[in-house]
PDB file of N, CA and C in Angstrom:
ATOM      1  N   UNK A   1      -2.825   6.453 -20.732  1.00  0.00           N
ATOM      2  CA  UNK A   1      -3.086   5.424 -19.668  1.00  0.00           C
ATOM      3  C   UNK A   1      -3.248   6.431 -17.816  1.00  0.00           C
ATOM      4  N   UNK A   2      -5.208   6.178 -17.909  1.00  0.00           N
ATOM      5  CA  UNK A   2      -5.315   6.703 -16.718  1.00  0.00           C
ATOM      6  C   UNK A   2      -4.296   5.921 -15.286  1.00  0.00           C
ATOM      7  N   UNK A   3      -4.171   7.042 -14.435  1.00  0.00           N
ATOM      8  CA  UNK A   3      -3.315   6.309 -12.595  1.00  0.00           C
ATOM      9  C   UNK A   3      -4.322   4.815 -12.223  1.00  0.00           C
ATOM     10  N   UNK A   4      -5.262   5.624 -12.685  1.00  0.00           N
ATOM     11  CA  UNK A   4      -6.237   4.137 -11.957  1.00  0.00           C
ATOM     12  C   UNK A   4      -5.681   3.078 -12.640  1.00  0.00           C
ATOM     13  N   UNK A   5      -6.375   3.303 -13.946  1.00  0.00           N
ATOM     14  CA  UNK A   5      -5.810   2.130 -14.590  1.00  0.00           C
ATOM     15  C   UNK A   5      -4.414   1.153 -14.176  1.00  0.00           C
ATOM     16  N   UNK A   6      -3.710   2.359 -14.515  1.00  0.00           N
ATOM     17  CA  UNK A   6      -2.344   1.219 -14.048  1.00  0.00           C
ATOM     18  C   UNK A   6      -2.345   0.705 -12.742  1.00  0.00           C
ATOM     19  N   UNK A   7      -3.074   1.249 -11.613  1.00  0.00           N
ATOM     20  CA  UNK A   7      -2.860   0.974  -9.797  1.00  0.00           C
ATOM     21  C   UNK A   7      -3.045  -0.502  -9.471  1.00  0.00           C
ATOM     22  N   UNK A   8      -4.561  -0.251 -11.392  1.00  0.00           N
ATOM     23  CA  UNK A   8      -5.008  -2.138 -11.133  1.00  0.00           C
ATOM     24  C   UNK A   8      -4.006  -3.061 -11.157  1.00  0.00           C
ATOM     25  N   UNK A   9      -2.779  -2.464 -11.757  1.00  0.00           N
ATOM     26  CA  UNK A   9      -1.384  -4.031 -12.685  1.00  0.00           C
ATOM     27  C   UNK A   9      -1.159  -4.251 -11.145  1.00  0.00           C
ATOM     28  N   UNK A  10      -1.419  -3.411  -9.701  1.00  0.00           N
ATOM     29  CA  UNK A  10      -0.766  -3.506  -8.356  1.00  0.00           C
ATOM     30  C   UNK A  10      -1.411  -3.904  -7.804  1.00  0.00           C
ATOM     31  N   UNK A  11      -2.430  -4.155  -7.783  1.00  0.00           N
ATOM     32  CA  UNK A  11      -3.448  -4.662  -6.576  1.00  0.00           C
ATOM     33  C   UNK A  11      -2.740  -6.021  -5.543  1.00  0.00           C
ATOM     34  N   UNK A  12      -2.418  -5.538  -4.564  1.00  0.00           N
ATOM     35  CA  UNK A  12      -1.971  -6.726  -3.321  1.00  0.00           C
ATOM     36  C   UNK A  12      -0.604  -6.547  -3.693  1.00  0.00           C
ATOM     37  N   UNK A  13      -0.160  -5.993  -3.782  1.00  0.00           N
ATOM     38  CA  UNK A  13       1.082  -4.980  -3.135  1.00  0.00           C
ATOM     39  C   UNK A  13       1.544  -4.038  -2.559  1.00  0.00           C
ATOM     40  N   UNK A  14       2.598  -3.887  -2.401  1.00  0.00           N
ATOM     41  CA  UNK A  14       3.075  -3.022  -2.081  1.00  0.00           C
ATOM     42  C   UNK A  14       3.636  -1.279  -1.803  1.00  0.00           C
ATOM     43  N   UNK A  15       3.986  -0.531  -2.008  1.00  0.00           N
ATOM     44  CA  UNK A  15       3.924   0.697  -2.164  1.00  0.00           C
ATOM     45  C   UNK A  15       3.264   1.231  -0.754  1.00  0.00           C
ATOM     46  N   UNK A  16       4.391   3.123  -1.427  1.00  0.00           N
ATOM     47  CA  UNK A  16       3.873   4.340  -0.487  1.00  0.00           C
ATOM     48  C   UNK A  16       3.189   5.609  -1.568  1.00  0.00           C
ATOM     49  N   UNK A  17       1.690   5.350  -0.708  1.00  0.00           N
ATOM     50  CA  UNK A  17       0.704   6.853  -1.564  1.00  0.00           C
ATOM     51  C   UNK A  17       0.454   7.939  -1.293  1.00  0.00           C
ATOM     52  N   UNK A  18       1.047   9.030  -2.499  1.00  0.00           N
ATOM     53  CA  UNK A  18       0.633  10.405  -1.411  1.00  0.00           C
ATOM     54  C   UNK A  18      -0.800  10.849  -2.317  1.00  0.00           C
ATOM     55  N   UNK A  19      -1.578  11.350  -1.697  1.00  0.00           N
ATOM     56  CA  UNK A  19      -2.664  11.392  -1.913  1.00  0.00           C
ATOM     57  C   UNK A  19      -2.836  13.646  -0.828  1.00  0.00           C
ATOM     58  N   UNK A  20      -4.110  13.880  -1.776  1.00  0.00           N
ATOM     59  CA  UNK A  20      -4.522  15.128  -0.861  1.00  0.00           C
ATOM     60  C   UNK A  20      -3.796  15.399   0.870  1.00  0.00           C
ATOM     61  N   UNK A  21      -4.766  14.980   1.286  1.00  0.00           N
ATOM     62  CA  UNK A  21      -4.223  15.076   2.696  1.00  0.00           C
ATOM     63  C   UNK A  21      -3.674  14.056   3.341  1.00  0.00           C
ATOM     64  N   UNK A  22      -2.611  13.826   2.642  1.00  0.00           N
ATOM     65  CA  UNK A  22      -1.601  12.678   3.310  1.00  0.00           C
ATOM     66  C   UNK A  22      -0.867  11.934   2.919  1.00  0.00           C
ATOM     67  N   UNK A  23      -0.841  11.080   3.550  1.00  0.00           N
ATOM     68  CA  UNK A  23       0.405  10.208   2.976  1.00  0.00           C
ATOM     69  C   UNK A  23       1.066   8.869   3.687  1.00  0.00           C
ATOM     70  N   UNK A  24       0.636   7.787   2.540  1.00  0.00           N
ATOM     71  CA  UNK A  24       1.422   6.040   3.398  1.00  0.00           C
ATOM     72  C   UNK A  24       1.645   5.519   3.165  1.00  0.00           C
ATOM     73  N   UNK A  25       2.838   4.283   3.579  1.00  0.00           N
ATOM     74  CA  UNK A  25       2.919   3.105   3.664  1.00  0.00           C
ATOM     75  C   UNK A  25       1.859   2.327   3.370  1.00  0.00           C
ATOM     76  N   UNK A  26       1.950   1.109   2.516  1.00  0.00           N
ATOM     77  CA  UNK A  26       0.688  -0.305   2.949  1.00  0.00           C
ATOM     78  C   UNK A  26       0.607  -0.931   1.657  1.00  0.00           C
ATOM     79  N   UNK A  27      -0.747  -1.396   1.087  1.00  0.00           N
ATOM     80  CA  UNK A  27      -1.099  -2.714   0.088  1.00  0.00           C
ATOM     81  C   UNK A  27      -2.089  -2.160  -0.341  1.00  0.00           C
ATOM     82  N   UNK A  28      -2.244  -1.804  -1.443  1.00  0.00           N
ATOM     83  CA  UNK A  28      -2.887  -1.686  -2.663  1.00  0.00           C
ATOM     84  C   UNK A  28      -4.191  -3.186  -2.275  1.00  0.00           C
ATOM     85  N   UNK A  29      -5.349  -2.392  -1.931  1.00  0.00           N
ATOM     86  CA  UNK A  29      -6.210  -3.624  -2.592  1.00  0.00           C
ATOM     87  C   UNK A  29      -7.021  -3.898  -3.120  1.00  0.00           C
ATOM     88  N   UNK A  30      -7.694  -2.664  -4.087  1.00  0.00           N
ATOM     89  CA  UNK A  30      -8.354  -2.641  -4.932  1.00  0.00           C
ATOM     90  C   UNK A  30      -8.125  -0.903  -5.535  1.00  0.00           C
ATOM     91  N   UNK A  31      -8.496  -1.293  -6.524  1.00  0.00           N
ATOM     92  CA  UNK A  31      -8.444  -0.228  -7.686  1.00  0.00           C
ATOM     93  C   UNK A  31      -9.265   0.304  -8.579  1.00  0.00           C
ATOM     94  N   UNK A  32     -10.538   0.531  -8.164  1.00  0.00           N
ATOM     95  CA  UNK A  32     -11.483   0.868  -9.019  1.00  0.00           C
ATOM     96  C   UNK A  32     -11.376   2.147 -10.220  1.00  0.00           C
ATOM     97  N   UNK A  33     -12.631   2.716 -10.283  1.00  0.00           N
ATOM     98  CA  UNK A  33     -12.750   3.566 -10.886  1.00  0.00           C
ATOM     99  C   UNK A  33     -12.349   5.111 -10.035  1.00  0.00           C
ATOM    100  N   UNK A  34     -13.618   5.272  -9.503  1.00  0.00           N
ATOM    101  CA  UNK A  34     -13.562   6.011  -8.177  1.00  0.00           C
ATOM    102  C   UNK A  34     -13.191   6.720  -6.900  1.00  0.00           C
ATOM    103  N   UNK A  35     -12.445   5.063  -6.712  1.00  0.00           N
ATOM    104  CA  UNK A  35     -11.512   5.107  -5.210  1.00  0.00           C
ATOM    105  C   UNK A  35     -10.387   3.739  -5.241  1.00  0.00           C
ATOM    106  N   UNK A  36     -10.493   3.725  -4.252  1.00  0.00           N
ATOM    107  CA  UNK A  36      -8.602   2.928  -4.053  1.00  0.00           C
ATOM    108  C   UNK A  36      -9.183   2.710  -3.353  1.00  0.00           C
ATOM    109  N   UNK A  37      -8.779   0.841  -2.390  1.00  0.00           N
ATOM    110  CA  UNK A  37      -8.765   0.767  -1.079  1.00  0.00           C
ATOM    111  C   UNK A  37      -7.358   0.480  -0.749  1.00  0.00           C
ATOM    112  N   UNK A  38      -6.950   1.394   0.203  1.00  0.00           N
ATOM    113  CA  UNK A  38      -5.333   0.392   0.386  1.00  0.00           C
ATOM    114  C   UNK A  38      -5.085   0.784   2.582  1.00  0.00           C
ATOM    115  N   UNK A  39      -4.996  -0.587   2.731  1.00  0.00           N
ATOM    116  CA  UNK A  39      -4.739  -0.866   3.723  1.00  0.00           C
ATOM    117  C   UNK A  39      -3.431  -0.485   4.194  1.00  0.00           C
ATOM    118  N   UNK A  40      -3.403   0.365   6.158  1.00  0.00           N
ATOM    119  CA  UNK A  40      -2.198   1.391   5.689  1.00  0.00           C
ATOM    120  C   UNK A  40      -0.679   0.836   6.786  1.00  0.00           C
ATOM    121  N   UNK A  41      -0.134   0.961   6.727  1.00  0.00           N
ATOM    122  CA  UNK A  41       0.493  -0.141   7.793  1.00  0.00           C
ATOM    123  C   UNK A  41       1.390   1.317   8.625  1.00  0.00           C
ATOM    124  N   UNK A  42       1.848   0.432   9.532  1.00  0.00           N
ATOM    125  CA  UNK A  42       2.582   1.450  10.697  1.00  0.00           C
ATOM    126  C   UNK A  42       3.861   1.179  10.176  1.00  0.00           C
ATOM    127  N   UNK A  43       4.772   1.774   9.823  1.00  0.00           N
ATOM    128  CA  UNK A  43       5.065   1.378   9.630  1.00  0.00           C
ATOM    129  C   UNK A  43       7.153   0.424  11.035  1.00  0.00           C
ATOM    130  N   UNK A  44       6.499   1.194  12.152  1.00  0.00           N
ATOM    131  CA  UNK A  44       6.785   1.038  13.822  1.00  0.00           C
ATOM    132  C   UNK A  44       6.926  -0.237  14.333  1.00  0.00           C
ATOM    133  N   UNK A  45       5.693  -0.705  14.235  1.00  0.00           N
ATOM    134  CA  UNK A  45       5.380  -2.255  14.099  1.00  0.00           C
ATOM    135  C   UNK A  45       5.184  -3.109  13.281  1.00  0.00           C
ATOM    136  N   UNK A  46       4.985  -2.605  11.738  1.00  0.00           N
ATOM    137  CA  UNK A  46       4.381  -3.470  10.646  1.00  0.00           C
ATOM    138  C   UNK A  46       3.429  -3.832  10.442  1.00  0.00           C
ATOM    139  N   UNK A  47       2.418  -3.479  11.348  1.00  0.00           N
ATOM    140  CA  UNK A  47       1.097  -3.994  11.892  1.00  0.00           C
ATOM    141  C   UNK A  47       0.258  -3.209  10.222  1.00  0.00           C
ATOM    142  N   UNK A  48      -0.756  -3.465  10.795  1.00  0.00           N
ATOM    143  CA  UNK A  48      -1.797  -2.795   9.525  1.00  0.00           C
ATOM    144  C   UNK A  48      -2.554  -1.606  10.967  1.00  0.00           C
ATOM    145  N   UNK A  49      -2.560  -0.689  10.760  1.00  0.00           N
ATOM    146  CA  UNK A  49      -3.664   0.259  11.400  1.00  0.00           C
ATOM    147  C   UNK A  49      -4.461   0.648  10.706  1.00  0.00           C
ATOM    148  N   UNK A  50      -4.850   0.734   9.609  1.00  0.00           N
ATOM    149  CA  UNK A  50      -6.473   1.065   9.212  1.00  0.00           C
ATOM    150  C   UNK A  50      -6.435   0.756   7.796  1.00  0.00           C
ATOM    151  N   UNK A  51      -7.301   0.694   7.707  1.00  0.00           N
ATOM    152  CA  UNK A  51      -7.481   0.518   6.034  1.00  0.00           C
ATOM    153  C   UNK A  51      -8.175   1.993   5.337  1.00  0.00           C
ATOM    154  N   UNK A  52      -8.102   2.314   4.670  1.00  0.00           N
ATOM    155  CA  UNK A  52      -8.561   3.777   3.677  1.00  0.00           C
ATOM    156  C   UNK A  52      -8.719   3.953   2.256  1.00  0.00           C
ATOM    157  N   UNK A  53     -10.149   4.297   2.522  1.00  0.00           N
ATOM    158  CA  UNK A  53     -10.956   4.382   1.108  1.00  0.00           C
ATOM    159  C   UNK A  53     -10.274   5.695   0.160  1.00  0.00           C
ATOM    160  N   UNK A  54      -9.051   5.823  -0.800  1.00  0.00           N
ATOM    161  CA  UNK A  54      -9.164   7.078  -1.144  1.00  0.00           C
ATOM    162  C   UNK A  54      -9.227   7.740  -3.038  1.00  0.00           C
ATOM    163  N   UNK A  55     -10.107   9.197  -2.973  1.00  0.00           N
ATOM    164  CA  UNK A  55     -10.853   9.043  -4.195  1.00  0.00           C
ATOM    165  C   UNK A  55     -10.274   9.428  -5.163  1.00  0.00           C
ATOM    166  N   UNK A  56     -10.285   8.802  -5.890  1.00  0.00           N
ATOM    167  CA  UNK A  56      -8.887   8.136  -7.315  1.00  0.00           C
ATOM    168  C   UNK A  56      -8.619   9.334  -7.749  1.00  0.00           C
ATOM    169  N   UNK A  57      -9.489  10.500  -7.662  1.00  0.00           N
ATOM    170  CA  UNK A  57      -8.921  12.016  -8.245  1.00  0.00           C
ATOM    171  C   UNK A  57      -7.987  12.854  -7.240  1.00  0.00           C
ATOM    172  N   UNK A  58      -7.534  12.448  -5.904  1.00  0.00           N
ATOM    173  CA  UNK A  58      -7.126  13.101  -4.854  1.00  0.00           C
ATOM    174  C   UNK A  58      -5.616  12.610  -5.051  1.00  0.00           C
ATOM    175  N   UNK A  59      -5.339  11.159  -5.607  1.00  0.00           N
ATOM    176  CA  UNK A  59      -3.978  10.596  -5.096  1.00  0.00           C
ATOM    177  C   UNK A  59      -3.352  11.285  -6.090  1.00  0.00           C
ATOM    178  N   UNK A  60      -2.189  11.941  -5.104  1.00  0.00           N
ATOM    179  CA  UNK A  60      -0.883  12.541  -5.820  1.00  0.00           C
ATOM    180  C   UNK A  60       0.554  11.886  -6.601  1.00  0.00           C
ATOM    181  N   UNK A  61       0.357  10.875  -5.722  1.00  0.00           N
ATOM    182  CA  UNK A  61       1.910  10.464  -6.027  1.00  0.00           C
ATOM    183  C   UNK A  61       2.232   8.483  -5.857  1.00  0.00           C
ATOM    184  N   UNK A  62       2.619   7.733  -6.873  1.00  0.00           N
ATOM    185  CA  UNK A  62       2.608   5.874  -5.884  1.00  0.00           C
ATOM    186  C   UNK A  62       4.604   6.167  -5.978  1.00  0.00           C
ATOM    187  N   UNK A  63       4.592   5.800  -4.898  1.00  0.00           N
ATOM    188  CA  UNK A  63       5.904   5.105  -4.671  1.00  0.00           C
ATOM    189  C   UNK A  63       6.336   3.704  -5.372  1.00  0.00           C
ATOM    190  N   UNK A  64       6.419   2.684  -6.192  1.00  0.00           N
ATOM    191  CA  UNK A  64       5.621   0.441  -5.968  1.00  0.00           C
ATOM    192  C   UNK A  64       7.611   0.773  -5.957  1.00  0.00           C
ATOM    193  N   UNK A  65       7.973   1.363  -5.726  1.00  0.00           N
ATOM    194  CA  UNK A  65       9.486   0.433  -5.457  1.00  0.00           C
ATOM    195  C   UNK A  65      10.887   0.980  -4.806  1.00  0.00           C
ATOM    196  N   UNK A  66      11.179   0.979  -4.636  1.00  0.00           N
ATOM    197  CA  UNK A  66      12.826   1.646  -3.790  1.00  0.00           C
ATOM    198  C   UNK A  66      13.250   1.051  -2.407  1.00  0.00           C
ATOM    199  N   UNK A  67      14.043   1.529  -1.734  1.00  0.00           N
ATOM    200  CA  UNK A  67      14.035   1.070  -0.581  1.00  0.00           C
ATOM    201  C   UNK A  67      13.790   0.725   0.697  1.00  0.00           C
ATOM    202  N   UNK A  68      12.356   1.972   0.813  1.00  0.00           N
ATOM    203  CA  UNK A  68      12.053   1.893   2.177  1.00  0.00           C
ATOM    204  C   UNK A  68      10.152   0.443   1.818  1.00  0.00           C
ATOM    205  N   UNK A  69      10.516   0.573   0.229  1.00  0.00           N
ATOM    206  CA  UNK A  69       8.981  -0.303  -0.149  1.00  0.00           C
ATOM    207  C   UNK A  69      10.066  -2.127   0.311  1.00  0.00           C
ATOM    208  N   UNK A  70      11.052  -2.043  -0.178  1.00  0.00           N
ATOM    209  CA  UNK A  70      11.644  -2.741   0.009  1.00  0.00           C
ATOM    210  C   UNK A  70      12.573  -3.887   1.434  1.00  0.00           C
ATOM    211  N   UNK A  71      12.117  -3.154   2.616  1.00  0.00           N
ATOM    212  CA  UNK A  71      12.442  -3.285   3.741  1.00  0.00           C
ATOM    213  C   UNK A  71      10.885  -3.374   4.450  1.00  0.00           C
ATOM    214  N   UNK A  72      10.026  -3.009   4.069  1.00  0.00           N
ATOM    215  CA  UNK A  72       8.372  -3.008   4.751  1.00  0.00           C
ATOM    216  C   UNK A  72       8.096  -4.633   4.226  1.00  0.00           C
ATOM    217  N   UNK A  73       8.810  -5.087   2.645  1.00  0.00           N
ATOM    218  CA  UNK A  73       8.070  -6.133   2.433  1.00  0.00           C
ATOM    219  C   UNK A  73       8.593  -7.699   3.059  1.00  0.00           C
ATOM    220  N   UNK A  74      10.262  -6.943   3.334  1.00  0.00           N
ATOM    221  CA  UNK A  74      11.290  -8.147   3.989  1.00  0.00           C
ATOM    222  C   UNK A  74      10.401  -8.340   5.220  1.00  0.00           C
ATOM    223  N   UNK A  75      10.277  -7.030   6.261  1.00  0.00           N
ATOM    224  CA  UNK A  75      10.114  -7.012   7.413  1.00  0.00           C
ATOM    225  C   UNK A  75       8.590  -8.059   7.224  1.00  0.00           C
ATOM    226  N   UNK A  76       7.648  -7.694   6.178  1.00  0.00           N
ATOM    227  CA  UNK A  76       6.451  -8.464   6.567  1.00  0.00           C
ATOM    228  C   UNK A  76       6.425 -10.454   5.745  1.00  0.00           C
ATOM    229  N   UNK A  77       7.407 -10.255   4.949  1.00  0.00           N
ATOM    230  CA  UNK A  77       7.958 -11.338   4.628  1.00  0.00           C
ATOM    231  C   UNK A  77       8.578 -12.347   5.806  1.00  0.00           C
ATOM    232  N   UNK A  78       9.311 -11.654   6.523  1.00  0.00           N
ATOM    233  CA  UNK A  78       9.680 -12.599   7.718  1.00  0.00           C
ATOM    234  C   UNK A  78       9.158 -12.886   9.016  1.00  0.00           C
ATOM    235  N   UNK A  79       7.847 -11.837   9.029  1.00  0.00           N
ATOM    236  CA  UNK A  79       6.676 -11.800   9.864  1.00  0.00           C
ATOM    237  C   UNK A  79       6.094 -13.230   9.487  1.00  0.00           C
ATOM    238  N   UNK A  80       6.010 -13.076   8.390  1.00  0.00           N
ATOM    239  CA  UNK A  80       5.158 -14.388   7.991  1.00  0.00           C
ATOM    240  C   UNK A  80       5.652 -15.971   7.958  1.00  0.00           C
ATOM    241  N   UNK A  81       6.578 -15.599   7.804  1.00  0.00           N
ATOM    242  CA  UNK A  81       7.755 -16.948   8.347  1.00  0.00           C
ATOM    243  C   UNK A  81       7.384 -17.660   9.765  1.00  0.00           C
ATOM    244  N   UNK A  82       7.506 -16.271  10.224  1.00  0.00           N
ATOM    245  CA  UNK A  82       7.692 -16.887  11.739  1.00  0.00           C
ATOM    246  C   UNK A  82       6.903 -17.106  12.862  1.00  0.00           C
ATOM    247  N   UNK A  83       4.872 -16.260  11.839  1.00  0.00           N
ATOM    248  CA  UNK A  83       4.035 -16.774  12.340  1.00  0.00           C
ATOM    249  C   UNK A  83       3.288 -17.954  11.859  1.00  0.00           C
ATOM    250  N   UNK A  84       3.513 -18.536  10.175  1.00  0.00           N
ATOM    251  CA  UNK A  84       3.392 -20.504  10.343  1.00  0.00           C
ATOM    252  C   UNK A  84       4.600 -21.599  11.049  1.00  0.00           C
ATOM    253  N   UNK A  85       5.727 -21.406  12.188  1.00  0.00           N
ATOM    254  CA  UNK A  85       6.173 -21.651  12.461  1.00  0.00           C
ATOM    255  C   UNK A  85       5.243 -22.197  13.981  1.00  0.00           C
ATOM    256  N   UNK A  86       4.738 -21.078  14.070  1.00  0.00           N
ATOM    257  CA  UNK A  86       4.402 -21.386  15.627  1.00  0.00           C
ATOM    258  C   UNK A  86       3.116 -21.576  15.619  1.00  0.00           C
TER     259      UNK A  86
END
């Protein structure tokens, strides 16, 4: 199975992606044959800072779970709950 095929299963989930020129935490928006669309999260203020289109063959590593990912999911979830109240 190719990495892009596996990433297709994780669209709309938070993860860490490392590619040839960088690595960031964020949310996978789209995984296609040629590229992936990834919304980068600034971990200091938990806001989206940019959308990156990454050429699929340049992806070196993907972390879908772990303590850092769980913290990001918890922070984003708590902000959603607070925003809905106001």
